Amino acid sequence: MITGHIFIATSVDGFIARENGNIDWLHEIDTKNEDHGYVQFMQNIDAIIMGRGTFETLSAIRPWVYDIPVLVLSKTLADQSTPTDLIGKVRFVNKTPKEAMALLENEGCRRVYVDGGRVVQSFIYDALITDLIITQIPLLLGNGRRLFGDIPNDIFLQHQKTKTFPSGFVQSKYIIKR
C-alpha cells in the first residue's frame, strides 16, 4: 500500500513561503551545518509529488536536485513538454491527489514525499498523508503562504517526537490519526 509523507519547514507563525512564493528566508538562516534528518528521510522515499509553484521554484536549480521520480500536479503544465534535461526525471500530470497516488502505486512506489503548500493541503484533506515532519524556523514572516489553510473538519494528530537544534529550529513529527 502506498503512503504519503511530509517533510517541510515553516516560520514560527506558520508560513512556508512569502506571498510571492519566495523561500529566500530558508537560505538566510545559519543552520550551523546541522543535520535535520532530510537525507535520512529521503532514503526511504520512492517518488515525489509536488505542485506547479514548488516545481517552478526548484526548476532553475541545476543540476536537478532529485534523483528519484518527480510527479508535478498541474493543469497548466500538463499540456507542456518536460524540459529536455528533466525527461525521465519529472512528469507533468493533470490528476487529482488520489489519481496521482494510484498512478505511482501501479508503478511500484510505496512511500511518496508530498511537497508544496496547496498540494500538501489537498493530500491531507483527502486522507492520503500518513505522517508529517514539520520544522519551525525561528523567524516571523508576518504574512505569506500558510502550510495549512482553511480545513473542512478537524484533523487529529498524534505527536511522535520533538527535537530542538542549536540553530533554534524545532522539529516535530506527527502521525495523522484516522
Protein backbone atom coordinates (compact mmCIF):
# COMPACT_ATOMS: atom_id res chain seq x y z
CA MET A 1 0.00 0.00 0.00
CA ILE A 2 1.27 3.46 -0.89
CA THR A 3 1.69 6.14 1.79
CA GLY A 4 2.23 9.90 1.65
CA HIS A 5 4.74 11.73 3.87
CA ILE A 6 5.52 15.39 4.51
CA PHE A 7 8.86 16.95 5.46
CA ILE A 8 8.53 20.73 5.47
CA ALA A 9 9.73 23.92 7.14
CA THR A 10 7.61 26.80 8.36
CA SER A 11 8.21 30.09 10.05
CA VAL A 12 7.09 30.16 13.69
CA ASP A 13 3.93 31.94 12.53
CA GLY A 14 3.11 29.07 10.16
CA PHE A 15 4.20 30.30 6.73
CA ILE A 16 6.01 28.14 4.16
CA ALA A 17 6.71 30.95 1.70
CA ARG A 18 6.29 34.67 1.17
CA GLU A 19 3.12 35.87 -0.62
CA ASN A 20 5.00 35.71 -3.94
CA GLY A 21 6.15 32.13 -3.26
CA ASN A 22 9.72 33.14 -2.43
CA ILE A 23 11.51 30.95 0.11
CA ASP A 24 14.70 33.02 0.33
CA TRP A 25 14.35 33.20 4.10
CA LEU A 26 15.09 29.47 4.35
CA HIS A 27 18.56 30.05 2.96
CA GLU A 28 19.34 33.11 5.07
CA ILE A 29 19.34 31.27 8.39
CA ASP A 30 22.56 29.88 9.80
CA THR A 31 21.87 26.21 10.45
CA LYS A 32 25.38 25.63 11.80
CA ASN A 33 25.64 22.73 9.31
CA GLU A 34 23.10 20.77 11.36
CA ASP A 35 21.61 17.52 10.18
CA HIS A 36 17.85 17.96 10.29
CA GLY A 37 17.15 14.45 9.02
CA TYR A 38 16.24 15.29 5.43
CA VAL A 39 18.81 12.98 3.84
CA GLN A 40 17.70 10.09 6.06
CA PHE A 41 14.03 10.87 5.30
CA MET A 42 14.68 10.83 1.55
CA GLN A 43 16.46 7.46 1.70
CA ASN A 44 13.06 5.82 2.24
CA ILE A 45 11.15 7.74 -0.43
CA ASP A 46 10.31 6.22 -3.84
CA ALA A 47 8.87 9.31 -5.57
CA ILE A 48 7.95 12.95 -5.01
CA ILE A 49 4.68 14.70 -5.75
CA MET A 50 4.72 18.48 -5.89
CA GLY A 51 2.66 21.30 -7.24
CA ARG A 52 3.43 23.75 -10.01
CA GLY A 53 4.59 26.50 -7.66
CA THR A 54 7.11 24.26 -5.93
CA PHE A 55 8.34 22.96 -9.28
CA GLU A 56 8.76 26.50 -10.63
CA THR A 57 10.74 27.46 -7.53
CA LEU A 58 13.06 24.46 -8.00
CA SER A 59 13.15 24.37 -11.80
CA ALA A 60 16.05 26.79 -12.17
CA ILE A 61 18.37 24.72 -9.99
CA ARG A 62 20.88 22.67 -11.95
CA PRO A 63 21.87 20.03 -11.60
CA TRP A 64 18.31 18.94 -10.80
CA VAL A 65 18.01 18.35 -7.07
CA TYR A 66 16.26 14.97 -7.09
CA ASP A 67 17.42 11.57 -8.28
CA ILE A 68 14.03 9.89 -7.83
CA PRO A 69 10.91 10.38 -9.98
CA VAL A 70 9.01 13.65 -9.54
CA LEU A 71 5.34 13.99 -10.42
CA VAL A 72 4.20 17.61 -10.79
CA LEU A 73 0.45 18.10 -10.37
CA SER A 74 -0.58 20.96 -12.62
CA LYS A 75 -3.41 21.64 -15.04
CA THR A 76 -1.23 24.31 -16.67
CA LEU A 77 1.98 22.32 -17.07
CA ALA A 78 0.27 19.04 -18.03
CA ASP A 79 -0.10 20.36 -21.58
CA GLN A 80 3.57 21.39 -21.84
CA SER A 81 6.62 19.37 -22.73
CA THR A 82 9.03 18.39 -20.00
CA PRO A 83 12.31 20.33 -20.26
CA THR A 84 14.78 18.19 -22.21
CA ASP A 85 17.22 17.78 -19.32
CA LEU A 86 14.40 16.65 -16.99
CA ILE A 87 12.93 13.95 -19.25
CA GLY A 88 12.81 10.72 -17.25
CA LYS A 89 13.08 12.69 -14.00
CA VAL A 90 9.96 14.88 -14.00
CA ARG A 91 6.43 14.33 -15.32
CA PHE A 92 3.63 16.87 -15.50
CA VAL A 93 0.15 15.48 -14.94
CA ASN A 94 -3.35 16.83 -14.51
CA LYS A 95 -4.54 14.39 -11.84
CA THR A 96 -6.27 14.51 -8.50
CA PRO A 97 -4.26 13.52 -5.43
CA LYS A 98 -5.95 10.09 -5.36
CA GLU A 99 -5.27 9.53 -9.07
CA ALA A 100 -1.63 10.56 -8.65
CA MET A 101 -1.12 8.16 -5.77
CA ALA A 102 -2.82 5.34 -7.72
CA LEU A 103 -0.54 6.02 -10.70
CA LEU A 104 2.60 5.83 -8.56
CA GLU A 105 1.36 2.77 -6.69
CA ASN A 106 0.80 0.99 -10.02
CA GLU A 107 4.42 1.83 -10.86
CA GLY A 108 5.62 0.14 -7.66
CA CYS A 109 6.06 3.16 -5.39
CA ARG A 110 5.32 2.66 -1.71
CA ARG A 111 6.48 5.86 0.05
CA VAL A 112 5.85 9.27 -1.53
CA TYR A 113 7.15 12.65 -0.38
CA VAL A 114 4.43 15.27 -0.87
CA ASP A 115 5.65 18.87 -1.15
CA GLY A 116 4.11 22.26 -1.81
CA GLY A 117 1.50 24.23 0.10
CA ARG A 118 -1.72 23.56 -1.79
CA VAL A 119 -0.67 20.04 -2.73
CA VAL A 120 0.10 19.22 0.92
CA GLN A 121 -3.28 20.62 1.94
CA SER A 122 -5.19 18.63 -0.68
CA PHE A 123 -3.40 15.38 0.20
CA ILE A 124 -4.14 15.88 3.91
CA TYR A 125 -7.82 16.64 3.20
CA ASP A 126 -8.06 13.53 1.01
CA ALA A 127 -6.57 11.40 3.85
CA LEU A 128 -3.50 10.47 1.78
CA ILE A 129 -0.85 11.54 4.30
CA THR A 130 0.46 9.19 6.97
CA ASP A 131 2.83 11.49 8.83
CA LEU A 132 4.25 14.99 8.91
CA ILE A 133 7.67 16.24 9.95
CA ILE A 134 7.40 19.99 10.46
CA THR A 135 10.47 22.07 11.25
CA GLN A 136 9.77 25.51 12.68
CA ILE A 137 12.38 28.09 11.74
CA PRO A 138 12.97 30.83 14.38
CA LEU A 139 11.57 33.62 12.23
CA LEU A 140 8.31 35.55 11.99
CA LEU A 141 7.30 36.41 8.42
CA GLY A 142 4.07 38.16 9.34
CA ASN A 143 2.35 37.12 6.13
CA GLY A 144 2.75 34.72 3.25
CA ARG A 145 1.52 31.31 2.25
CA ARG A 146 0.37 29.18 5.15
CA LEU A 147 1.14 25.50 5.43
CA PHE A 148 -2.43 24.81 6.42
CA GLY A 149 -5.32 26.78 5.01
CA ASP A 150 -8.96 26.51 5.96
CA ILE A 151 -9.91 22.93 6.71
CA PRO A 152 -13.39 21.46 6.37
CA ASN A 153 -13.13 19.41 9.57
CA ASP A 154 -10.78 18.70 12.45
CA ILE A 155 -7.75 16.57 11.68
CA PHE A 156 -6.30 14.98 14.78
CA LEU A 157 -2.58 14.38 15.04
CA GLN A 158 -0.63 12.09 17.32
CA HIS A 159 2.66 13.62 18.42
CA GLN A 160 5.61 11.25 17.96
CA LYS A 161 8.62 13.34 18.94
CA THR A 162 10.11 16.82 19.00
CA LYS A 163 13.75 17.69 18.58
CA THR A 164 15.45 21.04 19.05
CA PHE A 165 18.63 22.21 17.35
CA PRO A 166 21.32 24.75 18.36
CA SER A 167 20.17 26.97 15.47
CA GLY A 168 16.80 27.33 17.20
CA PHE A 169 14.99 25.02 14.78
CA VAL A 170 12.25 22.94 16.41
CA GLN A 171 11.25 19.79 14.54
CA SER A 172 8.15 17.77 15.39
CA LYS A 173 6.83 14.56 13.91
CA TYR A 174 3.12 13.76 13.89
CA ILE A 175 1.07 10.84 12.67
CA ILE A 176 -2.37 11.64 11.30
CA LYS A 177 -4.97 9.81 13.34
CA ARG A 178 -7.71 8.10 11.37
